[in-house]
C-alpha atoms as a PDB file:
ATOM      1  CA  MET A   1     -20.380   0.686 -30.315  1.00  0.00           C
ATOM      2  CA  ALA A   2     -19.345   3.428 -32.638  1.00  0.00           C
ATOM      3  CA  THR A   3     -15.802   4.029 -33.755  1.00  0.00           C
ATOM      4  CA  ALA A   4     -13.826   7.225 -33.430  1.00  0.00           C
ATOM      5  CA  ASN A   5     -13.754   7.665 -37.198  1.00  0.00           C
ATOM      6  CA  THR A   6     -17.507   8.205 -37.355  1.00  0.00           C
ATOM      7  CA  LEU A   7     -17.867  10.607 -34.451  1.00  0.00           C
ATOM      8  CA  ASP A   8     -16.574  14.068 -33.639  1.00  0.00           C
ATOM      9  CA  THR A   9     -13.878  13.456 -31.005  1.00  0.00           C
ATOM     10  CA  PRO A  10     -10.676  15.273 -29.976  1.00  0.00           C
ATOM     11  CA  VAL A  11      -8.858  11.915 -29.855  1.00  0.00           C
ATOM     12  CA  ALA A  12      -8.557   9.862 -33.035  1.00  0.00           C
ATOM     13  CA  LYS A  13      -5.815   7.454 -31.889  1.00  0.00           C
ATOM     14  CA  VAL A  14      -4.310   6.205 -28.636  1.00  0.00           C
ATOM     15  CA  GLN A  15      -0.581   5.472 -28.580  1.00  0.00           C
ATOM     16  CA  ILE A  16       0.558   3.356 -25.635  1.00  0.00           C
ATOM     17  CA  ASP A  17       4.132   2.645 -24.642  1.00  0.00           C
ATOM     18  CA  GLY A  18       4.898  -1.049 -24.347  1.00  0.00           C
ATOM     19  CA  LEU A  19       6.055  -0.521 -20.772  1.00  0.00           C
ATOM     20  CA  VAL A  20       2.603   0.787 -19.833  1.00  0.00           C
ATOM     21  CA  VAL A  21       0.967  -2.331 -21.258  1.00  0.00           C
ATOM     22  CA  LEU A  22       3.357  -4.527 -19.261  1.00  0.00           C
ATOM     23  CA  LYS A  23       2.590  -2.556 -16.088  1.00  0.00           C
ATOM     24  CA  ILE A  24      -1.145  -3.061 -16.592  1.00  0.00           C
ATOM     25  CA  ILE A  25      -0.684  -6.794 -17.231  1.00  0.00           C
ATOM     26  CA  LYS A  26       1.578  -7.105 -14.169  1.00  0.00           C
ATOM     27  CA  HIS A  27      -0.948  -5.269 -12.000  1.00  0.00           C
ATOM     28  CA  CYS A  28      -3.762  -7.575 -13.138  1.00  0.00           C
ATOM     29  CA  GLU A  29      -1.689 -10.705 -12.493  1.00  0.00           C
ATOM     30  CA  GLU A  30      -0.557  -9.579  -9.044  1.00  0.00           C
ATOM     31  CA  GLU A  31      -3.803  -8.150  -7.646  1.00  0.00           C
ATOM     32  CA  GLY A  32      -6.416  -9.473 -10.048  1.00  0.00           C
ATOM     33  CA  GLY A  33      -5.802 -13.083  -9.132  1.00  0.00           C
ATOM     34  CA  SER A  34      -5.751 -16.104 -11.400  1.00  0.00           C
ATOM     35  CA  THR A  35      -6.892 -15.957 -15.020  1.00  0.00           C
ATOM     36  CA  SER A  36      -8.907 -19.155 -14.712  1.00  0.00           C
ATOM     37  CA  ILE A  37     -12.628 -19.139 -15.368  1.00  0.00           C
ATOM     38  CA  GLY A  38     -14.703 -17.511 -12.653  1.00  0.00           C
ATOM     39  CA  SER A  39     -11.768 -16.076 -10.705  1.00  0.00           C
ATOM     40  CA  GLY A  40      -9.957 -12.786 -10.559  1.00  0.00           C
ATOM     41  CA  GLU A  41     -10.775  -9.398  -9.083  1.00  0.00           C
ATOM     42  CA  LEU A  42     -11.319  -5.992 -10.614  1.00  0.00           C
ATOM     43  CA  VAL A  43      -8.188  -3.828 -10.716  1.00  0.00           C
ATOM     44  CA  GLN A  44      -7.931  -0.177 -11.687  1.00  0.00           C
ATOM     45  CA  GLY A  45      -5.269   2.446 -12.191  1.00  0.00           C
ATOM     46  CA  VAL A  46      -4.447   5.884 -13.569  1.00  0.00           C
ATOM     47  CA  LEU A  47      -3.075   6.681 -17.035  1.00  0.00           C
ATOM     48  CA  LEU A  48      -0.537   9.462 -17.560  1.00  0.00           C
ATOM     49  CA  GLY A  49       0.727  11.056 -20.753  1.00  0.00           C
ATOM     50  CA  LEU A  50       0.027  13.946 -23.090  1.00  0.00           C
ATOM     51  CA  VAL A  51      -1.951  14.916 -26.196  1.00  0.00           C
ATOM     52  CA  GLN A  52      -0.208  15.523 -29.515  1.00  0.00           C
ATOM     53  CA  ASP A  53      -2.609  16.826 -32.179  1.00  0.00           C
ATOM     54  CA  ASP A  54      -5.324  14.143 -32.357  1.00  0.00           C
ATOM     55  CA  THR A  55      -3.194  11.408 -30.738  1.00  0.00           C
ATOM     56  CA  LEU A  56      -3.338  10.614 -27.040  1.00  0.00           C
ATOM     57  CA  GLU A  57       0.091   9.326 -25.964  1.00  0.00           C
ATOM     58  CA  ILE A  58       0.022   7.194 -22.804  1.00  0.00           C
ATOM     59  CA  THR A  59       3.566   7.049 -21.442  1.00  0.00           C
ATOM     60  CA  ASN A  60       3.090   6.001 -17.822  1.00  0.00           C
ATOM     61  CA  CYS A  61       0.584   4.604 -15.334  1.00  0.00           C
ATOM     62  CA  PHE A  62       0.235   3.673 -11.697  1.00  0.00           C
ATOM     63  CA  PRO A  63      -2.270   1.356  -9.968  1.00  0.00           C
ATOM     64  CA  PHE A  64      -4.835   2.021  -7.306  1.00  0.00           C
ATOM     65  CA  PRO A  65      -3.808   0.143  -4.155  1.00  0.00           C
ATOM     66  CA  LYS A  66      -6.104  -2.591  -2.928  1.00  0.00           C
ATOM     67  CA  HIS A  67      -8.077  -1.524   0.134  1.00  0.00           C
ATOM     68  CA  THR A  68     -11.303  -2.431   1.896  1.00  0.00           C
ATOM     69  CA  ASP A  69     -14.357  -0.239   2.305  1.00  0.00           C
ATOM     70  CA  GLU A  70     -13.690   0.052   6.034  1.00  0.00           C
ATOM     71  CA  GLU A  71     -10.314   1.744   5.461  1.00  0.00           C
ATOM     72  CA  ASP A  72     -10.109   5.532   5.452  1.00  0.00           C
ATOM     73  CA  PHE A  73      -8.617   5.859   1.968  1.00  0.00           C
ATOM     74  CA  ASP A  74      -8.890   8.983  -0.176  1.00  0.00           C
ATOM     75  CA  ASP A  75      -8.550   8.106  -3.873  1.00  0.00           C
ATOM     76  CA  VAL A  76      -8.236  11.728  -4.984  1.00  0.00           C
ATOM     77  CA  GLN A  77      -5.547  12.522  -2.421  1.00  0.00           C
ATOM     78  CA  TYR A  78      -3.627   9.387  -3.409  1.00  0.00           C
ATOM     79  CA  GLN A  79      -3.686  10.352  -7.108  1.00  0.00           C
ATOM     80  CA  MET A  80      -2.543  13.912  -6.390  1.00  0.00           C
ATOM     81  CA  GLU A  81       0.323  12.679  -4.221  1.00  0.00           C
ATOM     82  CA  MET A  82       1.467  10.170  -6.833  1.00  0.00           C
ATOM     83  CA  MET A  83       1.417  12.747  -9.650  1.00  0.00           C
ATOM     84  CA  ARG A  84       3.289  15.217  -7.443  1.00  0.00           C
ATOM     85  CA  ASN A  85       6.022  12.648  -6.781  1.00  0.00           C
ATOM     86  CA  LEU A  86       6.278  11.787 -10.489  1.00  0.00           C
ATOM     87  CA  ARG A  87       6.650  15.458 -11.350  1.00  0.00           C
ATOM     88  CA  HIS A  88       9.533  15.757  -8.881  1.00  0.00           C
ATOM     89  CA  VAL A  89      11.468  12.991 -10.672  1.00  0.00           C
ATOM     90  CA  ASN A  90      10.700  14.490 -14.124  1.00  0.00           C
ATOM     91  CA  ILE A  91       8.298  11.756 -15.293  1.00  0.00           C
ATOM     92  CA  ASP A  92       5.131  12.445 -17.300  1.00  0.00           C
ATOM     93  CA  HIS A  93       2.483  13.270 -14.722  1.00  0.00           C
ATOM     94  CA  LEU A  94      -0.437  14.671 -16.752  1.00  0.00           C
ATOM     95  CA  HIS A  95      -3.690  12.809 -16.132  1.00  0.00           C
ATOM     96  CA  VAL A  96      -5.182  11.371 -19.364  1.00  0.00           C
ATOM     97  CA  GLY A  97      -7.565   8.667 -18.127  1.00  0.00           C
ATOM     98  CA  TRP A  98      -7.693   5.377 -16.291  1.00  0.00           C
ATOM     99  CA  TYR A  99      -7.629   1.629 -16.887  1.00  0.00           C
ATOM    100  CA  GLN A 100      -9.657  -1.291 -15.615  1.00  0.00           C
ATOM    101  CA  SER A 101      -9.549  -5.053 -15.905  1.00  0.00           C
ATOM    102  CA  THR A 102     -12.543  -7.142 -16.898  1.00  0.00           C
ATOM    103  CA  GLN A 103     -13.613 -10.735 -17.418  1.00  0.00           C
ATOM    104  CA  TYR A 104     -15.249 -11.879 -20.661  1.00  0.00           C
ATOM    105  CA  GLY A 105     -15.804  -8.250 -21.656  1.00  0.00           C
ATOM    106  CA  GLN A 106     -18.206  -7.486 -18.780  1.00  0.00           C
ATOM    107  CA  PHE A 107     -17.399  -3.839 -18.265  1.00  0.00           C
ATOM    108  CA  LEU A 108     -20.464  -1.887 -19.411  1.00  0.00           C
ATOM    109  CA  ASN A 109     -22.109  -0.868 -16.153  1.00  0.00           C
ATOM    110  CA  LYS A 110     -23.152   2.260 -14.289  1.00  0.00           C
ATOM    111  CA  ALA A 111     -19.935   2.379 -12.230  1.00  0.00           C
ATOM    112  CA  LEU A 112     -17.812   2.626 -15.387  1.00  0.00           C
ATOM    113  CA  LEU A 113     -20.211   5.186 -16.850  1.00  0.00           C
ATOM    114  CA  ASP A 114     -19.984   7.344 -13.715  1.00  0.00           C
ATOM    115  CA  SER A 115     -16.189   7.191 -13.575  1.00  0.00           C
ATOM    116  CA  GLN A 116     -15.662   7.910 -17.269  1.00  0.00           C
ATOM    117  CA  PHE A 117     -18.102  10.820 -17.179  1.00  0.00           C
ATOM    118  CA  ASN A 118     -16.227  12.382 -14.258  1.00  0.00           C
ATOM    119  CA  TYR A 119     -12.858  11.884 -15.965  1.00  0.00           C
ATOM    120  CA  GLN A 120     -14.059  13.148 -19.335  1.00  0.00           C
ATOM    121  CA  HIS A 121     -15.936  16.075 -17.795  1.00  0.00           C
ATOM    122  CA  SER A 122     -12.722  17.244 -16.077  1.00  0.00           C
ATOM    123  CA  ILE A 123     -10.283  16.305 -18.873  1.00  0.00           C
ATOM    124  CA  GLU A 124     -11.893  16.203 -22.313  1.00  0.00           C
ATOM    125  CA  GLU A 125      -9.328  13.825 -23.852  1.00  0.00           C
ATOM    126  CA  SER A 126      -9.633  11.169 -21.116  1.00  0.00           C
ATOM    127  CA  VAL A 127     -10.030   7.526 -22.139  1.00  0.00           C
ATOM    128  CA  VAL A 128     -10.542   4.271 -20.294  1.00  0.00           C
ATOM    129  CA  LEU A 129      -8.458   1.217 -21.197  1.00  0.00           C
ATOM    130  CA  ILE A 130     -10.208  -2.129 -20.747  1.00  0.00           C
ATOM    131  CA  TYR A 131      -7.861  -5.110 -20.366  1.00  0.00           C
ATOM    132  CA  ASP A 132      -9.195  -8.672 -20.371  1.00  0.00           C
ATOM    133  CA  PRO A 133      -6.606 -11.149 -19.019  1.00  0.00           C
ATOM    134  CA  LEU A 134      -8.751 -14.194 -19.829  1.00  0.00           C
ATOM    135  CA  LYS A 135      -9.060 -13.375 -23.521  1.00  0.00           C
ATOM    136  CA  THR A 136      -5.368 -12.502 -23.605  1.00  0.00           C
ATOM    137  CA  SER A 137      -4.454 -15.924 -22.218  1.00  0.00           C
ATOM    138  CA  LYS A 138      -6.617 -17.639 -24.856  1.00  0.00           C
ATOM    139  CA  SER A 139      -5.719 -15.588 -27.927  1.00  0.00           C
ATOM    140  CA  THR A 140      -3.946 -12.288 -28.533  1.00  0.00           C
ATOM    141  CA  LEU A 141      -3.587  -9.192 -26.371  1.00  0.00           C
ATOM    142  CA  SER A 142      -7.074  -7.918 -25.460  1.00  0.00           C
ATOM    143  CA  ILE A 143      -6.883  -4.225 -24.581  1.00  0.00           C
ATOM    144  CA  LYS A 144      -9.267  -1.569 -25.883  1.00  0.00           C
ATOM    145  CA  ALA A 145      -9.754   2.176 -25.402  1.00  0.00           C
ATOM    146  CA  TYR A 146     -13.198   3.741 -24.991  1.00  0.00           C
ATOM    147  CA  ARG A 147     -14.684   7.204 -24.569  1.00  0.00           C
ATOM    148  CA  LEU A 148     -18.192   8.503 -23.999  1.00  0.00           C
ATOM    149  CA  THR A 149     -19.687  10.138 -27.055  1.00  0.00           C
ATOM    150  CA  GLN A 150     -20.845  13.747 -26.994  1.00  0.00           C
ATOM    151  CA  GLN A 151     -24.461  12.561 -27.017  1.00  0.00           C
ATOM    152  CA  ALA A 152     -23.858  10.407 -23.939  1.00  0.00           C
ATOM    153  CA  MET A 153     -22.054  13.254 -22.147  1.00  0.00           C
ATOM    154  CA  GLU A 154     -24.961  15.646 -22.729  1.00  0.00           C
ATOM    155  CA  ALA A 155     -27.573  13.062 -21.739  1.00  0.00           C
ATOM    156  CA  TYR A 156     -25.668  12.090 -18.594  1.00  0.00           C
ATOM    157  CA  LYS A 157     -25.099  15.728 -17.618  1.00  0.00           C
ATOM    158  CA  ASP A 158     -28.876  16.298 -17.511  1.00  0.00           C
ATOM    159  CA  TYR A 159     -29.538  12.650 -16.575  1.00  0.00           C
ATOM    160  CA  GLU A 160     -32.109  12.499 -19.349  1.00  0.00           C
ATOM    161  CA  PHE A 161     -32.554   8.745 -19.745  1.00  0.00           C
ATOM    162  CA  THR A 162     -36.304   8.789 -20.186  1.00  0.00           C
ATOM    163  CA  PRO A 163     -37.772   7.586 -23.497  1.00  0.00           C
ATOM    164  CA  GLU A 164     -38.502  11.207 -24.483  1.00  0.00           C
ATOM    165  CA  GLY A 165     -34.991  12.332 -23.513  1.00  0.00           C
ATOM    166  CA  LEU A 166     -33.345   9.508 -25.455  1.00  0.00           C
ATOM    167  CA  ARG A 167     -35.522  10.198 -28.468  1.00  0.00           C
ATOM    168  CA  LYS A 168     -34.605  13.869 -28.352  1.00  0.00           C
ATOM    169  CA  SER A 169     -30.844  13.292 -28.009  1.00  0.00           C
ATOM    170  CA  GLY A 170     -30.722  10.336 -30.403  1.00  0.00           C
ATOM    171  CA  LEU A 171     -28.754   8.299 -27.840  1.00  0.00           C
ATOM    172  CA  SER A 172     -28.767   4.514 -28.119  1.00  0.00           C
ATOM    173  CA  TYR A 173     -26.544   1.657 -26.965  1.00  0.00           C
ATOM    174  CA  GLU A 174     -24.745   1.750 -30.320  1.00  0.00           C
ATOM    175  CA  ASN A 175     -23.514   5.339 -29.966  1.00  0.00           C
ATOM    176  CA  MET A 176     -23.096   5.522 -26.192  1.00  0.00           C
ATOM    177  CA  PHE A 177     -19.381   4.649 -26.228  1.00  0.00           C
ATOM    178  CA  GLU A 178     -16.841   5.099 -28.982  1.00  0.00           C
ATOM    179  CA  GLU A 179     -13.842   2.813 -29.412  1.00  0.00           C
ATOM    180  CA  ILE A 180     -10.529   4.530 -30.121  1.00  0.00           C
ATOM    181  CA  PRO A 181      -7.870   2.672 -32.199  1.00  0.00           C
ATOM    182  CA  ILE A 182      -4.799   1.659 -30.177  1.00  0.00           C
ATOM    183  CA  VAL A 183      -1.174   1.618 -31.321  1.00  0.00           C
ATOM    184  CA  ILE A 184       1.494   0.089 -29.071  1.00  0.00           C
ATOM    185  CA  ARG A 185       4.841   1.847 -29.393  1.00  0.00           C
ATOM    186  CA  ASN A 186       8.302   0.764 -28.237  1.00  0.00           C
ATOM    187  CA  SER A 187      11.597   2.589 -28.394  1.00  0.00           C
ATOM    188  CA  TYR A 188      14.251   1.451 -30.856  1.00  0.00           C
ATOM    189  CA  LEU A 189      16.309  -0.044 -28.028  1.00  0.00           C
ATOM    190  CA  VAL A 190      13.344  -2.094 -26.814  1.00  0.00           C
ATOM    191  CA  ASN A 191      12.645  -3.317 -30.359  1.00  0.00           C
ATOM    192  CA  ALA A 192      16.265  -4.392 -30.696  1.00  0.00           C
ATOM    193  CA  LEU A 193      16.070  -6.200 -27.354  1.00  0.00           C
ATOM    194  CA  VAL A 194      12.893  -8.007 -28.403  1.00  0.00           C
ATOM    195  CA  CYS A 195      14.565  -9.166 -31.604  1.00  0.00           C
ATOM    196  CA  GLU A 196      17.525 -10.534 -29.615  1.00  0.00           C
ATOM    197  CA  ILE A 197      15.235 -12.302 -27.151  1.00  0.00           C
ATOM    198  CA  GLU A 198      13.282 -13.844 -30.014  1.00  0.00           C
ATOM    199  CA  GLU A 199      16.489 -15.227 -31.520  1.00  0.00           C
ATOM    200  CA  LEU A 200      17.675 -16.603 -28.175  1.00  0.00           C
ATOM    201  CA  SER A 201      14.315 -18.065 -27.211  1.00  0.00           C
ATOM    202  CA  PRO A 202      12.053 -18.592 -30.232  1.00  0.00           C
ATOM    203  CA  PRO A 203       8.351 -19.229 -29.571  1.00  0.00           C
ATOM    204  CA  THR A 204       7.467 -22.893 -29.032  1.00  0.00           C
ATOM    205  CA  GLY A 205       4.069 -22.734 -30.637  1.00  0.00           C
ATOM    206  CA  ASP A 206       1.426 -20.542 -32.164  1.00  0.00           C
ATOM    207  CA  ASN A 207      -1.327 -19.802 -29.680  1.00  0.00           C
ATOM    208  CA  SER A 208      -3.603 -18.639 -32.484  1.00  0.00           C
ATOM    209  CA  LEU A 209      -3.847 -22.232 -33.733  1.00  0.00           C
ATOM    210  CA  SER A 210      -4.986 -23.554 -30.357  1.00  0.00           C
ATOM    211  CA  LEU A 211      -8.329 -25.371 -30.456  1.00  0.00           C
ATOM    212  CA  SER A 212      -9.097 -24.661 -26.786  1.00  0.00           C
ATOM    213  CA  THR A 213     -11.420 -21.705 -27.383  1.00  0.00           C
ATOM    214  CA  GLY A 214     -14.618 -23.652 -26.839  1.00  0.00           C
ATOM    215  CA  ASN A 215     -14.831 -22.742 -23.159  1.00  0.00           C
ATOM    216  CA  MET A 216     -14.604 -19.042 -23.987  1.00  0.00           C
ATOM    217  CA  LEU A 217     -17.351 -19.390 -26.588  1.00  0.00           C
ATOM    218  CA  GLU A 218     -19.518 -21.319 -24.136  1.00  0.00           C
ATOM    219  CA  LYS A 219     -19.009 -18.744 -21.368  1.00  0.00           C
ATOM    220  CA  ASN A 220     -19.926 -15.862 -23.668  1.00  0.00           C
ATOM    221  CA  LEU A 221     -23.124 -17.685 -24.637  1.00  0.00           C
ATOM    222  CA  GLU A 222     -24.005 -18.237 -20.973  1.00  0.00           C
ATOM    223  CA  LEU A 223     -23.407 -14.581 -20.148  1.00  0.00           C
ATOM    224  CA  LEU A 224     -25.456 -13.505 -23.167  1.00  0.00           C
ATOM    225  CA  MET A 225     -28.410 -15.584 -21.942  1.00  0.00           C
ATOM    226  CA  ASP A 226     -28.116 -14.049 -18.460  1.00  0.00           C
ATOM    227  CA  TYR A 227     -28.116 -10.541 -19.897  1.00  0.00           C
ATOM    228  CA  VAL A 228     -31.110 -11.369 -22.090  1.00  0.00           C
ATOM    229  CA  ASP A 229     -32.995 -12.306 -18.913  1.00  0.00           C
ATOM    230  CA  ASP A 230     -31.916  -9.056 -17.236  1.00  0.00           C
ATOM    231  CA  LEU A 231     -33.015  -7.029 -20.243  1.00  0.00           C
ATOM    232  CA  SER A 232     -36.353  -8.843 -20.245  1.00  0.00           C
ATOM    233  CA  GLN A 233     -36.847  -7.845 -16.600  1.00  0.00           C
ATOM    234  CA  GLU A 234     -36.085  -4.204 -17.417  1.00  0.00           C
ATOM    235  CA  THR A 235     -38.584  -4.365 -20.273  1.00  0.00           C
ATOM    236  CA  ASN A 236     -41.224  -5.799 -17.939  1.00  0.00           C
ATOM    237  CA  LYS A 237     -40.608  -2.918 -15.523  1.00  0.00           C
ATOM    238  CA  TYR A 238     -41.351  -0.409 -18.260  1.00  0.00           C
ATOM    239  CA  ILE A 239     -44.431  -2.359 -19.418  1.00  0.00           C
ATOM    240  CA  ASN A 240     -45.752  -2.402 -15.835  1.00  0.00           C
ATOM    241  CA  TYR A 241     -45.108   1.342 -15.612  1.00  0.00           C
ATOM    242  CA  GLN A 242     -47.143   1.966 -18.769  1.00  0.00           C
ATOM    243  CA  ARG A 243     -49.930  -0.261 -17.433  1.00  0.00           C
ATOM    244  CA  ASN A 244     -50.015   1.633 -14.116  1.00  0.00           C
ATOM    245  CA  VAL A 245     -50.051   4.981 -15.945  1.00  0.00           C
ATOM    246  CA  GLY A 246     -53.048   3.784 -17.939  1.00  0.00           C
ATOM    247  CA  LYS A 247     -54.870   2.775 -14.739  1.00  0.00           C
ATOM    248  CA  VAL A 248     -54.206   6.144 -13.071  1.00  0.00           C
ATOM    249  CA  GLN A 249     -55.331   8.076 -16.158  1.00  0.00           C
ATOM    250  CA  MET A 250     -58.507   5.998 -16.415  1.00  0.00           C
ATOM    251  CA  ALA A 251     -59.315   6.536 -12.726  1.00  0.00           C
ATOM    252  CA  LYS A 252     -58.674  10.280 -13.156  1.00  0.00           C
ATOM    253  CA  GLN A 253     -60.975  10.506 -16.183  1.00  0.00           C
ATOM    254  CA  GLN A 254     -63.702   8.592 -14.336  1.00  0.00           C
ATOM    255  CA  TYR A 255     -63.420  10.908 -11.346  1.00  0.00           C
ATOM    256  CA  ILE A 256     -63.586  14.031 -13.531  1.00  0.00           C
ATOM    257  CA  TYR A 257     -66.602  12.671 -15.412  1.00  0.00           C
ATOM    258  CA  LYS A 258     -68.377  11.795 -12.156  1.00  0.00           C
ATOM    259  CA  ARG A 259     -67.564  15.251 -10.793  1.00  0.00           C
ATOM    260  CA  GLN A 260     -68.998  16.922 -13.899  1.00  0.00           C
ATOM    261  CA  GLN A 261     -72.182  14.856 -13.671  1.00  0.00           C
ATOM    262  CA  GLU A 262     -72.600  15.788 -10.027  1.00  0.00           C
ATOM    263  CA  ASN A 263     -72.057  19.503 -10.745  1.00  0.00           C
ATOM    264  CA  THR A 264     -74.635  19.326 -13.534  1.00  0.00           C
ATOM    265  CA  ALA A 265     -77.158  17.795 -11.155  1.00  0.00           C
ATOM    266  CA  ARG A 266     -76.422  20.429  -8.490  1.00  0.00           C
ATOM    267  CA  THR A 267     -76.871  23.212 -11.038  1.00  0.00           C
ATOM    268  CA  GLN A 268     -80.266  21.819 -12.070  1.00  0.00           C
ATOM    269  CA  ARG A 269     -81.301  21.802  -8.394  1.00  0.00           C
ATOM    270  CA  GLY A 270     -80.167  25.401  -8.037  1.00  0.00           C
ATOM    271  CA  GLU A 271     -77.232  24.538  -5.795  1.00  0.00           C
ATOM    272  CA  GLU A 272     -73.676  25.820  -6.008  1.00  0.00           C
ATOM    273  CA  PRO A 273     -71.313  23.519  -7.972  1.00  0.00           C
ATOM    274  CA  LEU A 274     -68.562  21.793  -6.108  1.00  0.00           C
ATOM    275  CA  PRO A 275     -65.230  23.682  -6.025  1.00  0.00           C
ATOM    276  CA  ASP A 276     -62.450  22.634  -8.373  1.00  0.00           C
ATOM    277  CA  GLU A 277     -59.883  20.229  -6.959  1.00  0.00           C
ATOM    278  CA  ASP A 278     -56.255  19.601  -7.832  1.00  0.00           C
ATOM    279  CA  THR A 279     -56.433  16.165  -9.411  1.00  0.00           C
ATOM    280  CA  THR A 280     -52.622  15.962  -9.767  1.00  0.00           C
ATOM    281  CA  LYS A 281     -52.350  15.483  -5.998  1.00  0.00           C
ATOM    282  CA  MET A 282     -55.225  13.020  -5.882  1.00  0.00           C
ATOM    283  CA  PHE A 283     -53.953  10.898  -8.765  1.00  0.00           C
ATOM    284  CA  LYS A 284     -50.160  10.722  -8.646  1.00  0.00           C
ATOM    285  CA  MET A 285     -48.437   9.217 -11.639  1.00  0.00           C
ATOM    286  CA  PRO A 286     -46.000   6.353 -10.945  1.00  0.00           C
ATOM    287  CA  THR A 287     -42.297   7.085 -11.226  1.00  0.00           C
ATOM    288  CA  MET A 288     -40.966   6.457 -14.712  1.00  0.00           C
ATOM    289  CA  PRO A 289     -38.097   3.897 -14.740  1.00  0.00           C
ATOM    290  CA  LEU A 290     -34.957   5.226 -16.392  1.00  0.00           C
ATOM    291  CA  ARG A 291     -33.744   3.487 -19.544  1.00  0.00           C
ATOM    292  CA  LEU A 292     -30.073   3.699 -18.581  1.00  0.00           C
ATOM    293  CA  ASP A 293     -29.852   0.090 -17.402  1.00  0.00           C
ATOM    294  CA  SER A 294     -31.501  -1.088 -20.618  1.00  0.00           C
ATOM    295  CA  LEU A 295     -28.955   0.853 -22.683  1.00  0.00           C
ATOM    296  CA  LEU A 296     -26.032  -0.665 -20.797  1.00  0.00           C
ATOM    297  CA  LEU A 297     -27.469  -4.179 -20.980  1.00  0.00           C
ATOM    298  CA  ALA A 298     -28.087  -3.869 -24.722  1.00  0.00           C
ATOM    299  CA  GLY A 299     -24.554  -2.543 -25.289  1.00  0.00           C
ATOM    300  CA  GLN A 300     -23.069  -5.397 -23.268  1.00  0.00           C
ATOM    301  CA  MET A 301     -25.113  -7.930 -25.228  1.00  0.00           C
ATOM    302  CA  LYS A 302     -23.780  -6.474 -28.474  1.00  0.00           C
ATOM    303  CA  ASN A 303     -20.226  -6.980 -27.182  1.00  0.00           C
ATOM    304  CA  PHE A 304     -21.016 -10.606 -26.359  1.00  0.00           C
ATOM    305  CA  CYS A 305     -22.468 -11.166 -29.831  1.00  0.00           C
ATOM    306  CA  THR A 306     -19.342  -9.666 -31.408  1.00  0.00           C
ATOM    307  CA  GLU A 307     -17.087 -11.950 -29.358  1.00  0.00           C
ATOM    308  CA  ILE A 308     -19.259 -14.985 -30.120  1.00  0.00           C
ATOM    309  CA  ASN A 309     -19.007 -14.292 -33.848  1.00  0.00           C
ATOM    310  CA  ARG A 310     -15.237 -13.867 -33.559  1.00  0.00           C
ATOM    311  CA  PHE A 311     -14.664 -17.042 -31.565  1.00  0.00           C
ATOM    312  CA  ALA A 312     -17.105 -19.032 -33.693  1.00  0.00           C
ATOM    313  CA  SER A 313     -15.432 -18.006 -36.960  1.00  0.00           C
ATOM    314  CA  GLN A 314     -11.994 -18.806 -35.545  1.00  0.00           C
ATOM    315  CA  SER A 315     -13.143 -22.154 -34.163  1.00  0.00           C
ATOM    316  CA  PHE A 316     -14.755 -23.217 -37.438  1.00  0.00           C
ATOM    317  CA  GLY A 317     -11.607 -22.327 -39.380  1.00  0.00           C
ATOM    318  CA  LYS A 318      -9.402 -24.257 -36.954  1.00  0.00           C
ATOM    319  CA  LEU A 319     -11.740 -27.268 -36.991  1.00  0.00           C
ATOM    320  CA  PHE A 320     -11.787 -27.406 -40.792  1.00  0.00           C
ATOM    321  CA  MET A 321      -7.993 -27.125 -40.819  1.00  0.00           C
ATOM    322  CA  ALA A 322      -7.610 -29.872 -38.210  1.00  0.00           C
ATOM    323  CA  ASP A 323     -10.071 -32.107 -40.071  1.00  0.00           C
ATOM    324  CA  ALA A 324      -8.158 -31.629 -43.340  1.00  0.00           C
ATOM    325  CA  LEU A 325      -4.856 -32.504 -41.626  1.00  0.00           C
ATOM    326  CA  LYS A 326      -6.426 -35.590 -40.066  1.00  0.00           C
ATOM    327  CA  VAL A 327      -7.726 -36.787 -43.421  1.00  0.00           C
ATOM    328  CA  LYS A 328      -4.328 -36.181 -44.979  1.00  0.00           C
ATOM    329  CA  GLU A 329      -2.597 -38.193 -42.255  1.00  0.00           C
ATOM    330  CA  GLU A 330      -5.033 -41.056 -42.689  1.00  0.00           C
ATOM    331  CA  ASP A 331      -4.489 -41.102 -46.459  1.00  0.00           C
ATOM    332  CA  SER A 332      -0.731 -41.127 -46.015  1.00  0.00           C
END
């Protein structure tokens, strides 16, 4: 994925109030379920704030309520009612994006692409915050901000995800989304309170030195292998399409050649040649599979590789440190 520094974007930085981060974490813990492996549900919500120069300030948020597909629930009406109520109590109510939880960084899919396109098409500065509670529980806070690039917006507007369309627009999985740097901001009173709490209850240990990151590394490897299989299936679909196109074109050329030979024979016999026929109706080309799924799968695989490199480098450093301490204890 590209970064905001390398692409033309109206938002160069996202500033989030600490209270908003706590609200998102609380929403994920209450409705997302446990943070254990293989559990948890997708949660989503709306981001509110304002734009100052090239900085998007997120000052408030509210969650989408959990509901079933059978319920008659209007998401748009719910958002409008919530923002109207916030405006009445003089709280920031301007819509600036949305947030979503994820597990092991599995968020690149068509549903997210559709939602972000709609948000960004209506409000140019909109972003999506991706929060991963599992990674947060194993290391540091995992929350990232993404936007669709201008190339992706133009390609999605025309839905040009054919090989020719992608070649023309220059769109690839690397420049489909752009990551925006995040800064978490607290008021001076909150900073003072945090300092007092830290003095009263100092941390008992450093989670960054924990050696229990092997399960996260293993899960990312398993997911990477699954996505490689999915990408291989998408590639086979396109190969089969090319093979079928070749068969149709060959059959069409054979029919035209046979027709020409027959007309030549009829002309030699003094007969009228056969009338021209519309071969496009007789030989229909197979439908070209879109390359959108391949783009999303490749982008997701890149995220997995990035996380694998990060966890592997951390694990090796911790193992070398633990081995050195063990040797030192044995010598002493």
